Amino acid sequence: MMRLLSASLNPKANALFSLILVILAVSMSVTEAFAQAAASSVAAGKADYLTNCADCHGQNGKGSGPNMNVIPGIKPADLTTIAARNGGVFPTTQVANTIDGRQSTPSHKRFDMPFWGVNFQEPGKEFTPESEAKAKARIDAIVAYIETLQVK
């Protein structure tokens, strides 16, 4: 069918048709690669979440982890309702900044959770561009995973 269609087109239209097919093929390939990378990021985020966050926030993200009462007066947030509490929009940057912990650091205040932007630094390379990028990637992956926990 494609041969029949391209044979009926003039040379310019045929070239345009071929270009469109190439663009579509590349677009589909990029979309598939992006989807695979996103799935990989969510899986990495889930692993980091279960290791670093679930003790307080719970494996299900509802704020009822086994260590929730370790520090008196601290109540871990229900991470499954973040979007609902924000008009149905998941605030990606705000969640990433909360996990990182370094964007707003009031002095002499007791902090409810670790500063993962510091804790995820590569030992011996703390705060180098490479270490910052790795810490950010881990935080972004956790954010991607938390977004999957949102109740609809």
N, C-alpha and C. Protein backbone atom coordinates (compact mmCIF):
# COMPACT_ATOMS: atom_id res chain seq x y z
N MET A 1 0.82 -1.18 0.00
CA MET A 1 0.00 0.00 0.00
C MET A 1 0.87 1.26 0.00
N MET A 2 1.97 1.23 0.81
CA MET A 2 2.85 2.39 0.86
C MET A 2 3.48 2.64 -0.50
N ARG A 3 3.87 1.56 -1.19
CA ARG A 3 4.47 1.69 -2.50
C ARG A 3 3.47 2.30 -3.48
N LEU A 4 2.25 1.86 -3.38
CA LEU A 4 1.19 2.37 -4.25
C LEU A 4 0.96 3.85 -3.98
N LEU A 5 0.93 4.23 -2.70
CA LEU A 5 0.71 5.62 -2.33
C LEU A 5 1.87 6.49 -2.79
N SER A 6 3.11 6.06 -2.53
CA SER A 6 4.26 6.87 -2.90
C SER A 6 4.42 6.95 -4.42
N ALA A 7 4.00 5.93 -5.15
CA ALA A 7 4.10 5.95 -6.60
C ALA A 7 3.14 6.97 -7.20
N SER A 8 2.04 7.23 -6.52
CA SER A 8 1.05 8.17 -7.05
C SER A 8 1.38 9.61 -6.72
N LEU A 9 2.41 9.87 -5.90
CA LEU A 9 2.78 11.22 -5.51
C LEU A 9 3.85 11.77 -6.44
N ASN A 10 3.89 13.11 -6.59
CA ASN A 10 4.97 13.70 -7.36
C ASN A 10 6.25 13.62 -6.54
N PRO A 11 7.40 13.87 -7.12
CA PRO A 11 8.68 13.70 -6.39
C PRO A 11 8.77 14.53 -5.11
N LYS A 12 8.28 15.78 -5.13
CA LYS A 12 8.35 16.61 -3.91
C LYS A 12 7.45 16.05 -2.83
N ALA A 13 6.24 15.66 -3.21
CA ALA A 13 5.31 15.09 -2.25
C ALA A 13 5.86 13.76 -1.72
N ASN A 14 6.48 12.99 -2.58
CA ASN A 14 7.07 11.71 -2.19
C ASN A 14 8.18 11.95 -1.15
N ALA A 15 9.01 12.97 -1.40
CA ALA A 15 10.09 13.28 -0.45
C ALA A 15 9.51 13.74 0.88
N LEU A 16 8.47 14.56 0.83
CA LEU A 16 7.82 15.02 2.05
C LEU A 16 7.20 13.86 2.80
N PHE A 17 6.53 12.98 2.08
CA PHE A 17 5.92 11.79 2.68
C PHE A 17 6.98 10.94 3.37
N SER A 18 8.12 10.75 2.71
CA SER A 18 9.22 9.96 3.29
C SER A 18 9.76 10.63 4.55
N LEU A 19 9.88 11.95 4.51
CA LEU A 19 10.37 12.69 5.67
C LEU A 19 9.41 12.54 6.84
N ILE A 20 8.13 12.63 6.57
CA ILE A 20 7.12 12.48 7.62
C ILE A 20 7.21 11.08 8.24
N LEU A 21 7.40 10.07 7.41
CA LEU A 21 7.53 8.70 7.93
C LEU A 21 8.76 8.57 8.82
N VAL A 22 9.87 9.18 8.42
CA VAL A 22 11.09 9.14 9.23
C VAL A 22 10.86 9.85 10.56
N ILE A 23 10.23 11.03 10.51
CA ILE A 23 9.96 11.78 11.75
C ILE A 23 9.06 10.97 12.67
N LEU A 24 8.05 10.33 12.12
CA LEU A 24 7.16 9.50 12.93
C LEU A 24 7.91 8.33 13.57
N ALA A 25 8.78 7.69 12.79
CA ALA A 25 9.54 6.56 13.32
C ALA A 25 10.47 7.01 14.44
N VAL A 26 11.16 8.13 14.25
CA VAL A 26 12.07 8.65 15.27
C VAL A 26 11.28 9.05 16.51
N SER A 27 10.15 9.71 16.29
CA SER A 27 9.31 10.14 17.40
C SER A 27 8.83 8.95 18.23
N MET A 28 8.41 7.89 17.56
CA MET A 28 7.96 6.69 18.27
C MET A 28 9.11 6.07 19.05
N SER A 29 10.29 6.06 18.47
CA SER A 29 11.46 5.49 19.13
C SER A 29 11.84 6.31 20.36
N VAL A 30 11.83 7.64 20.23
CA VAL A 30 12.16 8.51 21.35
C VAL A 30 11.11 8.37 22.45
N THR A 31 9.85 8.30 22.06
CA THR A 31 8.78 8.14 23.05
C THR A 31 8.94 6.84 23.81
N GLU A 32 9.25 5.77 23.11
CA GLU A 32 9.46 4.47 23.77
C GLU A 32 10.66 4.52 24.70
N ALA A 33 11.75 5.15 24.26
CA ALA A 33 12.94 5.27 25.10
C ALA A 33 12.65 6.10 26.34
N PHE A 34 11.88 7.18 26.17
CA PHE A 34 11.51 8.02 27.30
C PHE A 34 10.65 7.24 28.29
N ALA A 35 9.70 6.46 27.79
CA ALA A 35 8.83 5.66 28.65
C ALA A 35 9.65 4.63 29.43
N GLN A 36 10.62 4.01 28.77
CA GLN A 36 11.47 3.03 29.45
C GLN A 36 12.33 3.71 30.52
N ALA A 37 12.86 4.90 30.21
CA ALA A 37 13.67 5.63 31.19
C ALA A 37 12.81 6.05 32.37
N ALA A 38 11.59 6.49 32.11
CA ALA A 38 10.68 6.90 33.19
C ALA A 38 10.35 5.72 34.08
N ALA A 39 10.09 4.56 33.49
CA ALA A 39 9.79 3.36 34.27
C ALA A 39 11.00 2.96 35.12
N SER A 40 12.18 3.08 34.54
CA SER A 40 13.41 2.76 35.27
C SER A 40 13.61 3.72 36.44
N SER A 41 13.30 5.01 36.19
CA SER A 41 13.43 6.02 37.24
C SER A 41 12.46 5.74 38.38
N VAL A 42 11.22 5.38 38.05
CA VAL A 42 10.22 5.07 39.08
C VAL A 42 10.68 3.86 39.89
N ALA A 43 11.22 2.85 39.23
CA ALA A 43 11.70 1.66 39.94
C ALA A 43 12.85 2.02 40.89
N ALA A 44 13.78 2.85 40.43
CA ALA A 44 14.89 3.28 41.28
C ALA A 44 14.36 4.12 42.44
N GLY A 45 13.38 4.98 42.15
CA GLY A 45 12.78 5.79 43.19
C GLY A 45 12.07 4.96 44.24
N LYS A 46 11.38 3.92 43.79
CA LYS A 46 10.70 3.03 44.73
C LYS A 46 11.72 2.35 45.65
N ALA A 47 12.82 1.88 45.08
CA ALA A 47 13.86 1.22 45.89
C ALA A 47 14.41 2.19 46.93
N ASP A 48 14.73 3.42 46.52
CA ASP A 48 15.23 4.42 47.47
C ASP A 48 14.17 4.77 48.50
N TYR A 49 12.92 4.90 48.06
CA TYR A 49 11.82 5.21 48.98
C TYR A 49 11.71 4.12 50.05
N LEU A 50 11.68 2.87 49.62
CA LEU A 50 11.52 1.77 50.57
C LEU A 50 12.69 1.71 51.56
N THR A 51 13.89 2.05 51.10
CA THR A 51 15.07 2.03 51.96
C THR A 51 15.12 3.24 52.90
N ASN A 52 14.75 4.42 52.40
CA ASN A 52 15.00 5.65 53.15
C ASN A 52 13.76 6.35 53.70
N CYS A 53 12.59 6.06 53.17
CA CYS A 53 11.40 6.84 53.53
C CYS A 53 10.30 6.00 54.20
N ALA A 54 10.23 4.73 53.85
CA ALA A 54 9.12 3.89 54.30
C ALA A 54 9.09 3.68 55.81
N ASP A 55 10.24 3.77 56.49
CA ASP A 55 10.22 3.59 57.95
C ASP A 55 9.32 4.60 58.63
N CYS A 56 9.22 5.79 58.06
CA CYS A 56 8.34 6.81 58.65
C CYS A 56 7.02 6.95 57.87
N HIS A 57 7.12 7.04 56.56
CA HIS A 57 5.92 7.29 55.74
C HIS A 57 5.15 6.01 55.43
N GLY A 58 5.72 4.87 55.71
CA GLY A 58 5.07 3.59 55.44
C GLY A 58 5.29 3.13 54.02
N GLN A 59 5.25 1.83 53.83
CA GLN A 59 5.45 1.28 52.48
C GLN A 59 4.37 1.77 51.52
N ASN A 60 3.19 2.05 52.05
CA ASN A 60 2.09 2.52 51.21
C ASN A 60 2.04 4.04 51.10
N GLY A 61 2.92 4.75 51.80
CA GLY A 61 2.99 6.20 51.72
C GLY A 61 1.98 6.95 52.56
N LYS A 62 1.23 6.25 53.39
CA LYS A 62 0.14 6.89 54.14
C LYS A 62 0.59 7.53 55.46
N GLY A 63 1.89 7.49 55.76
CA GLY A 63 2.39 8.16 56.96
C GLY A 63 2.34 7.30 58.20
N SER A 64 2.27 6.01 58.01
CA SER A 64 2.14 5.11 59.16
C SER A 64 3.23 4.05 59.17
N GLY A 65 4.47 4.49 58.98
CA GLY A 65 5.59 3.56 58.99
C GLY A 65 5.92 3.10 60.40
N PRO A 66 6.72 2.05 60.52
CA PRO A 66 7.04 1.48 61.83
C PRO A 66 7.80 2.43 62.76
N ASN A 67 8.47 3.44 62.22
CA ASN A 67 9.23 4.37 63.06
C ASN A 67 8.51 5.70 63.28
N MET A 68 7.23 5.78 62.97
CA MET A 68 6.54 7.06 63.04
C MET A 68 6.51 7.67 64.44
N ASN A 69 6.67 6.88 65.45
CA ASN A 69 6.62 7.40 66.82
C ASN A 69 7.99 7.48 67.48
N VAL A 70 9.04 7.33 66.70
CA VAL A 70 10.40 7.37 67.25
C VAL A 70 10.71 8.76 67.80
N ILE A 71 10.36 9.79 67.04
CA ILE A 71 10.59 11.17 67.49
C ILE A 71 9.26 11.72 67.97
N PRO A 72 9.13 12.04 69.24
CA PRO A 72 7.85 12.53 69.77
C PRO A 72 7.38 13.79 69.03
N GLY A 73 6.09 13.83 68.73
CA GLY A 73 5.50 15.00 68.10
C GLY A 73 5.61 15.07 66.60
N ILE A 74 6.28 14.10 66.00
CA ILE A 74 6.44 14.10 64.55
C ILE A 74 5.38 13.18 63.94
N LYS A 75 4.66 13.70 62.98
CA LYS A 75 3.65 12.90 62.27
C LYS A 75 4.01 12.93 60.79
N PRO A 76 4.56 11.84 60.26
CA PRO A 76 4.90 11.82 58.83
C PRO A 76 3.67 12.08 57.96
N ALA A 77 3.88 12.81 56.90
CA ALA A 77 2.79 13.17 55.98
C ALA A 77 2.27 11.95 55.23
N ASP A 78 0.98 12.01 54.90
CA ASP A 78 0.38 11.03 53.99
C ASP A 78 0.78 11.45 52.59
N LEU A 79 1.65 10.71 51.97
CA LEU A 79 2.17 11.06 50.65
C LEU A 79 1.23 10.69 49.52
N THR A 80 0.16 9.98 49.83
CA THR A 80 -0.77 9.55 48.78
C THR A 80 -1.79 10.63 48.42
N THR A 81 -1.85 11.70 49.21
CA THR A 81 -2.85 12.74 48.97
C THR A 81 -2.22 14.10 48.63
N ILE A 82 -0.97 14.10 48.23
CA ILE A 82 -0.30 15.36 47.91
C ILE A 82 -1.04 16.09 46.78
N ALA A 83 -1.33 15.39 45.71
CA ALA A 83 -2.03 16.03 44.58
C ALA A 83 -3.42 16.50 45.01
N ALA A 84 -4.14 15.69 45.77
CA ALA A 84 -5.48 16.06 46.21
C ALA A 84 -5.44 17.33 47.06
N ARG A 85 -4.39 17.47 47.87
CA ARG A 85 -4.25 18.66 48.71
C ARG A 85 -3.82 19.89 47.92
N ASN A 86 -3.47 19.68 46.64
CA ASN A 86 -3.01 20.77 45.78
C ASN A 86 -3.88 20.91 44.55
N GLY A 87 -5.18 20.77 44.74
CA GLY A 87 -6.13 20.97 43.65
C GLY A 87 -6.02 19.97 42.53
N GLY A 88 -5.55 18.76 42.84
CA GLY A 88 -5.44 17.71 41.83
C GLY A 88 -4.15 17.75 41.03
N VAL A 89 -3.27 18.69 41.36
CA VAL A 89 -1.99 18.82 40.65
C VAL A 89 -0.86 18.36 41.57
N PHE A 90 -0.03 17.47 41.06
CA PHE A 90 1.11 17.01 41.84
C PHE A 90 2.23 18.04 41.72
N PRO A 91 2.63 18.68 42.83
CA PRO A 91 3.63 19.75 42.80
C PRO A 91 5.05 19.19 42.81
N THR A 92 5.51 18.75 41.68
CA THR A 92 6.79 18.06 41.55
C THR A 92 7.95 18.82 42.18
N THR A 93 8.08 20.08 41.85
CA THR A 93 9.22 20.87 42.37
C THR A 93 9.13 21.02 43.88
N GLN A 94 7.95 21.29 44.39
CA GLN A 94 7.78 21.45 45.84
C GLN A 94 8.12 20.15 46.57
N VAL A 95 7.69 19.02 46.03
CA VAL A 95 7.99 17.72 46.67
C VAL A 95 9.50 17.47 46.62
N ALA A 96 10.12 17.74 45.49
CA ALA A 96 11.58 17.56 45.36
C ALA A 96 12.31 18.45 46.36
N ASN A 97 11.88 19.70 46.51
CA ASN A 97 12.52 20.61 47.45
C ASN A 97 12.34 20.15 48.90
N THR A 98 11.18 19.60 49.20
CA THR A 98 10.94 19.08 50.55
C THR A 98 11.86 17.91 50.85
N ILE A 99 11.99 17.01 49.89
CA ILE A 99 12.87 15.85 50.08
C ILE A 99 14.32 16.30 50.19
N ASP A 100 14.74 17.20 49.31
CA ASP A 100 16.11 17.71 49.34
C ASP A 100 16.40 18.37 50.69
N GLY A 101 15.49 19.24 51.13
CA GLY A 101 15.60 19.83 52.46
C GLY A 101 16.45 21.07 52.58
N ARG A 102 17.17 21.43 51.54
CA ARG A 102 18.11 22.55 51.66
C ARG A 102 17.56 23.89 51.17
N GLN A 103 16.39 23.90 50.54
CA GLN A 103 15.90 25.15 49.96
C GLN A 103 15.44 26.14 51.03
N SER A 104 14.85 25.65 52.09
CA SER A 104 14.47 26.55 53.18
C SER A 104 14.93 25.94 54.49
N THR A 105 15.91 26.56 55.09
CA THR A 105 16.51 26.03 56.30
C THR A 105 16.44 27.07 57.41
N PRO A 106 15.29 27.16 58.10
CA PRO A 106 15.23 28.12 59.20
C PRO A 106 16.18 27.68 60.31
N SER A 107 16.88 28.64 60.87
CA SER A 107 17.86 28.29 61.90
C SER A 107 17.17 27.94 63.21
N HIS A 108 17.82 27.10 63.97
CA HIS A 108 17.39 26.68 65.30
C HIS A 108 16.00 26.07 65.32
N LYS A 109 15.62 25.40 64.28
CA LYS A 109 14.31 24.73 64.23
C LYS A 109 14.54 23.23 64.16
N ARG A 110 13.74 22.51 64.86
CA ARG A 110 13.82 21.06 64.80
C ARG A 110 13.23 20.59 63.48
N PHE A 111 13.92 19.71 62.81
CA PHE A 111 13.51 19.26 61.48
C PHE A 111 12.86 17.89 61.57
N ASP A 112 11.77 17.75 60.83
CA ASP A 112 10.99 16.52 60.88
C ASP A 112 11.60 15.37 60.08
N MET A 113 12.36 15.68 59.05
CA MET A 113 12.93 14.60 58.24
C MET A 113 14.34 14.96 57.79
N PRO A 114 15.10 13.96 57.40
CA PRO A 114 16.48 14.22 56.97
C PRO A 114 16.54 15.12 55.74
N PHE A 115 17.67 15.77 55.56
CA PHE A 115 17.95 16.54 54.35
C PHE A 115 18.58 15.58 53.35
N TRP A 116 17.75 14.97 52.52
CA TRP A 116 18.26 13.95 51.61
C TRP A 116 19.20 14.55 50.57
N GLY A 117 19.06 15.84 50.28
CA GLY A 117 19.99 16.49 49.36
C GLY A 117 21.41 16.49 49.89
N VAL A 118 21.55 16.41 51.21
CA VAL A 118 22.87 16.29 51.85
C VAL A 118 23.22 14.81 52.01
N ASN A 119 22.27 14.03 52.52
CA ASN A 119 22.53 12.61 52.79
C ASN A 119 22.85 11.80 51.54
N PHE A 120 22.32 12.22 50.38
CA PHE A 120 22.57 11.49 49.14
C PHE A 120 23.86 11.92 48.44
N GLN A 121 24.64 12.80 49.06
CA GLN A 121 25.91 13.21 48.46
C GLN A 121 26.88 12.02 48.44
N GLU A 122 27.68 11.98 47.40
CA GLU A 122 28.67 10.91 47.26
C GLU A 122 29.83 11.16 48.22
N PRO A 123 30.11 10.20 49.13
CA PRO A 123 31.19 10.40 50.10
C PRO A 123 32.52 10.74 49.43
N GLY A 124 33.15 11.76 49.95
CA GLY A 124 34.43 12.20 49.41
C GLY A 124 34.30 13.17 48.25
N LYS A 125 33.09 13.30 47.71
CA LYS A 125 32.86 14.23 46.59
C LYS A 125 31.69 15.16 46.88
N GLU A 126 31.39 15.35 48.16
CA GLU A 126 30.23 16.12 48.56
C GLU A 126 30.19 17.49 47.88
N PHE A 127 29.01 17.80 47.36
CA PHE A 127 28.68 19.10 46.78
C PHE A 127 29.44 19.44 45.51
N THR A 128 30.10 18.46 44.92
CA THR A 128 30.69 18.68 43.60
C THR A 128 29.54 18.61 42.59
N PRO A 129 29.73 19.15 41.40
CA PRO A 129 28.66 19.05 40.40
C PRO A 129 28.21 17.60 40.15
N GLU A 130 29.16 16.68 40.11
CA GLU A 130 28.83 15.27 39.88
C GLU A 130 27.98 14.71 41.03
N SER A 131 28.37 14.99 42.26
CA SER A 131 27.64 14.50 43.42
C SER A 131 26.27 15.13 43.51
N GLU A 132 26.18 16.44 43.24
CA GLU A 132 24.90 17.14 43.25
C GLU A 132 23.95 16.53 42.21
N ALA A 133 24.48 16.23 41.02
CA ALA A 133 23.66 15.65 39.95
C ALA A 133 23.13 14.27 40.36
N LYS A 134 23.98 13.48 41.00
CA LYS A 134 23.55 12.15 41.45
C LYS A 134 22.50 12.25 42.55
N ALA A 135 22.69 13.18 43.48
CA ALA A 135 21.71 13.38 44.55
C ALA A 135 20.38 13.84 43.96
N LYS A 136 20.43 14.77 43.02
CA LYS A 136 19.21 15.27 42.38
C LYS A 136 18.50 14.15 41.62
N ALA A 137 19.25 13.31 40.94
CA ALA A 137 18.64 12.20 40.19
C ALA A 137 17.92 11.24 41.14
N ARG A 138 18.52 10.98 42.28
CA ARG A 138 17.87 10.09 43.27
C ARG A 138 16.59 10.73 43.81
N ILE A 139 16.67 12.01 44.12
CA ILE A 139 15.50 12.72 44.62
C ILE A 139 14.40 12.75 43.56
N ASP A 140 14.77 13.06 42.33
CA ASP A 140 13.79 13.09 41.24
C ASP A 140 13.13 11.72 41.05
N ALA A 141 13.89 10.66 41.22
CA ALA A 141 13.32 9.31 41.09
C ALA A 141 12.34 9.02 42.22
N ILE A 142 12.66 9.46 43.43
CA ILE A 142 11.74 9.28 44.56
C ILE A 142 10.46 10.08 44.31
N VAL A 143 10.60 11.30 43.80
CA VAL A 143 9.44 12.12 43.48
C VAL A 143 8.57 11.41 42.44
N ALA A 144 9.20 10.85 41.41
CA ALA A 144 8.45 10.13 40.37
C ALA A 144 7.69 8.96 40.98
N TYR A 145 8.33 8.26 41.92
CA TYR A 145 7.65 7.14 42.58
C TYR A 145 6.49 7.64 43.44
N ILE A 146 6.71 8.68 44.22
CA ILE A 146 5.64 9.21 45.08
C ILE A 146 4.45 9.66 44.23
N GLU A 147 4.73 10.19 43.06
CA GLU A 147 3.62 10.60 42.18
C GLU A 147 2.75 9.40 41.80
N THR A 148 3.34 8.21 41.71
CA THR A 148 2.56 7.02 41.37
C THR A 148 1.66 6.59 42.54
N LEU A 149 1.94 7.06 43.74
CA LEU A 149 1.17 6.68 44.92
C LEU A 149 -0.10 7.52 45.08
N GLN A 150 -0.26 8.56 44.27
CA GLN A 150 -1.40 9.47 44.46
C GLN A 150 -2.73 8.76 44.23
N VAL A 151 -3.65 8.98 45.18
CA VAL A 151 -4.99 8.42 45.03
C VAL A 151 -5.75 9.27 44.05
N LYS A 152 -6.51 8.61 43.24
CA LYS A 152 -7.28 9.33 42.20
C LYS A 152 -8.67 9.62 42.70
